[in-house]
Protein backbone atom coordinates (compact mmCIF):
# COMPACT_ATOMS: atom_id res chain seq x y z
CA UNK A 1 0.00 0.00 0.00
CA UNK A 2 1.41 3.35 -1.06
CA UNK A 3 1.20 6.36 1.18
CA UNK A 4 -0.07 9.23 -0.94
CA UNK A 5 -0.33 12.63 0.70
CA UNK A 6 -3.02 14.85 -0.78
CA UNK A 7 -4.25 18.39 -0.03
CA UNK A 8 -7.40 17.13 1.69
CA UNK A 9 -5.22 14.92 3.92
CA UNK A 10 -3.25 17.99 4.94
CA UNK A 11 -6.42 20.00 5.64
CA UNK A 12 -7.93 17.10 7.61
CA UNK A 13 -4.76 16.65 9.66
CA UNK A 14 -4.64 20.38 10.45
CA UNK A 15 -8.29 20.32 11.54
CA UNK A 16 -7.74 17.22 13.64
CA UNK A 17 -4.72 18.85 15.28
CA UNK A 18 -6.71 22.01 16.03
CA UNK A 19 -9.54 19.98 17.56
CA UNK A 20 -7.13 17.89 19.64
CA UNK A 21 -5.30 21.00 20.86
CA UNK A 22 -8.57 22.64 21.88
CA UNK A 23 -9.78 19.54 23.70
CA UNK A 24 -6.53 18.47 25.38
CA UNK A 25 -4.53 21.70 25.59
CA UNK A 26 -4.32 24.15 28.47
CA UNK A 27 -7.29 26.51 28.58
CA UNK A 28 -6.14 29.74 30.20
CA UNK A 29 -2.35 29.68 30.19
CA UNK A 30 -1.85 29.62 26.41
CA UNK A 31 -1.27 33.16 25.07
CA UNK A 32 -2.75 32.55 21.62
CA UNK A 33 -5.34 29.94 22.49
CA UNK A 34 -8.30 29.71 20.13
CA UNK A 35 -11.31 29.21 22.36
CA UNK A 36 -13.91 27.02 20.68
CA UNK A 37 -17.19 25.99 22.23
CA UNK A 38 -18.53 22.45 21.98
CA UNK A 39 -20.76 23.37 19.05
CA UNK A 40 -17.83 24.63 16.99
CA UNK A 41 -15.82 21.54 17.86
CA UNK A 42 -18.75 19.41 16.66
CA UNK A 43 -18.84 21.34 13.36
CA UNK A 44 -15.05 20.96 13.02
CA UNK A 45 -15.40 17.21 13.60
CA UNK A 46 -18.08 16.98 10.92
CA UNK A 47 -15.87 18.92 8.49
CA UNK A 48 -12.96 16.56 9.21
CA UNK A 49 -15.25 13.60 8.45
CA UNK A 50 -16.47 15.21 5.20
CA UNK A 51 -12.86 15.95 4.22
CA UNK A 52 -11.90 12.31 4.81
CA UNK A 53 -14.86 10.97 2.79
CA UNK A 54 -14.27 13.45 -0.05
CA UNK A 55 -10.62 12.43 -0.19
CA UNK A 56 -11.62 8.77 -0.47
CA UNK A 57 -14.03 9.61 -3.30
CA UNK A 58 -11.35 11.53 -5.20
CA UNK A 59 -8.83 8.72 -4.66
CA UNK A 60 -11.22 6.08 -5.99
CA UNK A 61 -12.17 8.07 -9.11
CA UNK A 62 -8.73 9.48 -9.97
CA UNK A 63 -5.71 7.21 -10.08
CA UNK A 64 -2.98 9.70 -11.07
CA UNK A 65 -1.48 11.53 -8.07
CA UNK A 66 -0.89 14.71 -10.08
CA UNK A 67 -4.56 14.86 -11.07
CA UNK A 68 -5.65 14.25 -7.49
CA UNK A 69 -3.54 17.22 -6.36
CA UNK A 70 -4.97 19.47 -9.08
CA UNK A 71 -8.61 18.49 -8.50
CA UNK A 72 -8.40 18.61 -4.70
CA UNK A 73 -6.61 21.98 -4.77
CA UNK A 74 -9.31 23.42 -7.03
CA UNK A 75 -11.95 21.91 -4.71
CA UNK A 76 -10.35 23.60 -1.69
CA UNK A 77 -10.09 26.97 -3.46
CA UNK A 78 -13.74 26.84 -4.59
CA UNK A 79 -14.82 25.88 -1.07
CA UNK A 80 -12.91 28.80 0.47
CA UNK A 81 -14.36 31.23 -2.09
CA UNK A 82 -17.90 29.97 -1.36
CA UNK A 83 -17.27 30.35 2.37
CA UNK A 84 -16.25 33.99 1.89
CA UNK A 85 -19.30 34.66 -0.32
CA UNK A 86 -21.65 33.14 2.25
CA UNK A 87 -19.93 35.11 5.02
CA UNK A 88 -20.46 38.38 3.10
CA UNK A 89 -24.13 37.59 2.45
CA UNK A 90 -25.00 36.51 6.00
C-alpha atoms as a PDB file:
ATOM      1  CA  UNK A   1       0.000   0.000   0.000  1.00  0.00           C
ATOM      2  CA  UNK A   2       1.407   3.348  -1.059  1.00  0.00           C
ATOM      3  CA  UNK A   3       1.197   6.360   1.184  1.00  0.00           C
ATOM      4  CA  UNK A   4      -0.075   9.232  -0.940  1.00  0.00           C
ATOM      5  CA  UNK A   5      -0.333  12.628   0.698  1.00  0.00           C
ATOM      6  CA  UNK A   6      -3.023  14.848  -0.781  1.00  0.00           C
ATOM      7  CA  UNK A   7      -4.252  18.395  -0.031  1.00  0.00           C
ATOM      8  CA  UNK A   8      -7.396  17.126   1.691  1.00  0.00           C
ATOM      9  CA  UNK A   9      -5.220  14.917   3.919  1.00  0.00           C
ATOM     10  CA  UNK A  10      -3.245  17.990   4.940  1.00  0.00           C
ATOM     11  CA  UNK A  11      -6.422  20.000   5.644  1.00  0.00           C
ATOM     12  CA  UNK A  12      -7.927  17.100   7.614  1.00  0.00           C
ATOM     13  CA  UNK A  13      -4.759  16.648   9.665  1.00  0.00           C
ATOM     14  CA  UNK A  14      -4.637  20.377  10.455  1.00  0.00           C
ATOM     15  CA  UNK A  15      -8.286  20.324  11.541  1.00  0.00           C
ATOM     16  CA  UNK A  16      -7.741  17.223  13.643  1.00  0.00           C
ATOM     17  CA  UNK A  17      -4.719  18.850  15.276  1.00  0.00           C
ATOM     18  CA  UNK A  18      -6.709  22.011  16.027  1.00  0.00           C
ATOM     19  CA  UNK A  19      -9.536  19.982  17.555  1.00  0.00           C
ATOM     20  CA  UNK A  20      -7.126  17.893  19.637  1.00  0.00           C
ATOM     21  CA  UNK A  21      -5.301  21.005  20.860  1.00  0.00           C
ATOM     22  CA  UNK A  22      -8.567  22.644  21.884  1.00  0.00           C
ATOM     23  CA  UNK A  23      -9.785  19.543  23.696  1.00  0.00           C
ATOM     24  CA  UNK A  24      -6.530  18.469  25.381  1.00  0.00           C
ATOM     25  CA  UNK A  25      -4.526  21.699  25.585  1.00  0.00           C
ATOM     26  CA  UNK A  26      -4.324  24.148  28.470  1.00  0.00           C
ATOM     27  CA  UNK A  27      -7.291  26.507  28.577  1.00  0.00           C
ATOM     28  CA  UNK A  28      -6.145  29.737  30.201  1.00  0.00           C
ATOM     29  CA  UNK A  29      -2.351  29.678  30.185  1.00  0.00           C
ATOM     30  CA  UNK A  30      -1.850  29.623  26.407  1.00  0.00           C
ATOM     31  CA  UNK A  31      -1.268  33.158  25.066  1.00  0.00           C
ATOM     32  CA  UNK A  32      -2.752  32.551  21.615  1.00  0.00           C
ATOM     33  CA  UNK A  33      -5.345  29.938  22.489  1.00  0.00           C
ATOM     34  CA  UNK A  34      -8.302  29.707  20.125  1.00  0.00           C
ATOM     35  CA  UNK A  35     -11.311  29.214  22.365  1.00  0.00           C
ATOM     36  CA  UNK A  36     -13.914  27.022  20.682  1.00  0.00           C
ATOM     37  CA  UNK A  37     -17.192  25.993  22.228  1.00  0.00           C
ATOM     38  CA  UNK A  38     -18.526  22.450  21.979  1.00  0.00           C
ATOM     39  CA  UNK A  39     -20.759  23.373  19.046  1.00  0.00           C
ATOM     40  CA  UNK A  40     -17.826  24.634  16.987  1.00  0.00           C
ATOM     41  CA  UNK A  41     -15.816  21.538  17.859  1.00  0.00           C
ATOM     42  CA  UNK A  42     -18.746  19.413  16.656  1.00  0.00           C
ATOM     43  CA  UNK A  43     -18.844  21.336  13.358  1.00  0.00           C
ATOM     44  CA  UNK A  44     -15.053  20.961  13.018  1.00  0.00           C
ATOM     45  CA  UNK A  45     -15.396  17.211  13.602  1.00  0.00           C
ATOM     46  CA  UNK A  46     -18.077  16.980  10.917  1.00  0.00           C
ATOM     47  CA  UNK A  47     -15.869  18.917   8.492  1.00  0.00           C
ATOM     48  CA  UNK A  48     -12.961  16.559   9.207  1.00  0.00           C
ATOM     49  CA  UNK A  49     -15.252  13.602   8.452  1.00  0.00           C
ATOM     50  CA  UNK A  50     -16.474  15.209   5.203  1.00  0.00           C
ATOM     51  CA  UNK A  51     -12.864  15.947   4.220  1.00  0.00           C
ATOM     52  CA  UNK A  52     -11.899  12.306   4.807  1.00  0.00           C
ATOM     53  CA  UNK A  53     -14.864  10.968   2.793  1.00  0.00           C
ATOM     54  CA  UNK A  54     -14.271  13.451  -0.047  1.00  0.00           C
ATOM     55  CA  UNK A  55     -10.616  12.432  -0.192  1.00  0.00           C
ATOM     56  CA  UNK A  56     -11.625   8.770  -0.472  1.00  0.00           C
ATOM     57  CA  UNK A  57     -14.029   9.612  -3.300  1.00  0.00           C
ATOM     58  CA  UNK A  58     -11.347  11.533  -5.201  1.00  0.00           C
ATOM     59  CA  UNK A  59      -8.827   8.719  -4.658  1.00  0.00           C
ATOM     60  CA  UNK A  60     -11.216   6.083  -5.993  1.00  0.00           C
ATOM     61  CA  UNK A  61     -12.167   8.068  -9.107  1.00  0.00           C
ATOM     62  CA  UNK A  62      -8.731   9.478  -9.972  1.00  0.00           C
ATOM     63  CA  UNK A  63      -5.706   7.211 -10.078  1.00  0.00           C
ATOM     64  CA  UNK A  64      -2.981   9.700 -11.072  1.00  0.00           C
ATOM     65  CA  UNK A  65      -1.483  11.530  -8.071  1.00  0.00           C
ATOM     66  CA  UNK A  66      -0.890  14.706 -10.080  1.00  0.00           C
ATOM     67  CA  UNK A  67      -4.563  14.861 -11.074  1.00  0.00           C
ATOM     68  CA  UNK A  68      -5.649  14.245  -7.492  1.00  0.00           C
ATOM     69  CA  UNK A  69      -3.542  17.216  -6.362  1.00  0.00           C
ATOM     70  CA  UNK A  70      -4.972  19.465  -9.079  1.00  0.00           C
ATOM     71  CA  UNK A  71      -8.611  18.490  -8.503  1.00  0.00           C
ATOM     72  CA  UNK A  72      -8.400  18.607  -4.703  1.00  0.00           C
ATOM     73  CA  UNK A  73      -6.612  21.977  -4.766  1.00  0.00           C
ATOM     74  CA  UNK A  74      -9.313  23.415  -7.026  1.00  0.00           C
ATOM     75  CA  UNK A  75     -11.947  21.910  -4.708  1.00  0.00           C
ATOM     76  CA  UNK A  76     -10.354  23.601  -1.686  1.00  0.00           C
ATOM     77  CA  UNK A  77     -10.094  26.975  -3.463  1.00  0.00           C
ATOM     78  CA  UNK A  78     -13.745  26.841  -4.593  1.00  0.00           C
ATOM     79  CA  UNK A  79     -14.823  25.883  -1.066  1.00  0.00           C
ATOM     80  CA  UNK A  80     -12.907  28.802   0.475  1.00  0.00           C
ATOM     81  CA  UNK A  81     -14.365  31.230  -2.090  1.00  0.00           C
ATOM     82  CA  UNK A  82     -17.898  29.970  -1.356  1.00  0.00           C
ATOM     83  CA  UNK A  83     -17.271  30.353   2.374  1.00  0.00           C
ATOM     84  CA  UNK A  84     -16.248  33.990   1.887  1.00  0.00           C
ATOM     85  CA  UNK A  85     -19.297  34.656  -0.319  1.00  0.00           C
ATOM     86  CA  UNK A  86     -21.654  33.139   2.255  1.00  0.00           C
ATOM     87  CA  UNK A  87     -19.930  35.110   5.019  1.00  0.00           C
ATOM     88  CA  UNK A  88     -20.462  38.376   3.096  1.00  0.00           C
ATOM     89  CA  UNK A  89     -24.133  37.589   2.446  1.00  0.00           C
ATOM     90  CA  UNK A  90     -25.002  36.506   6.003  1.00  0.00           C
END
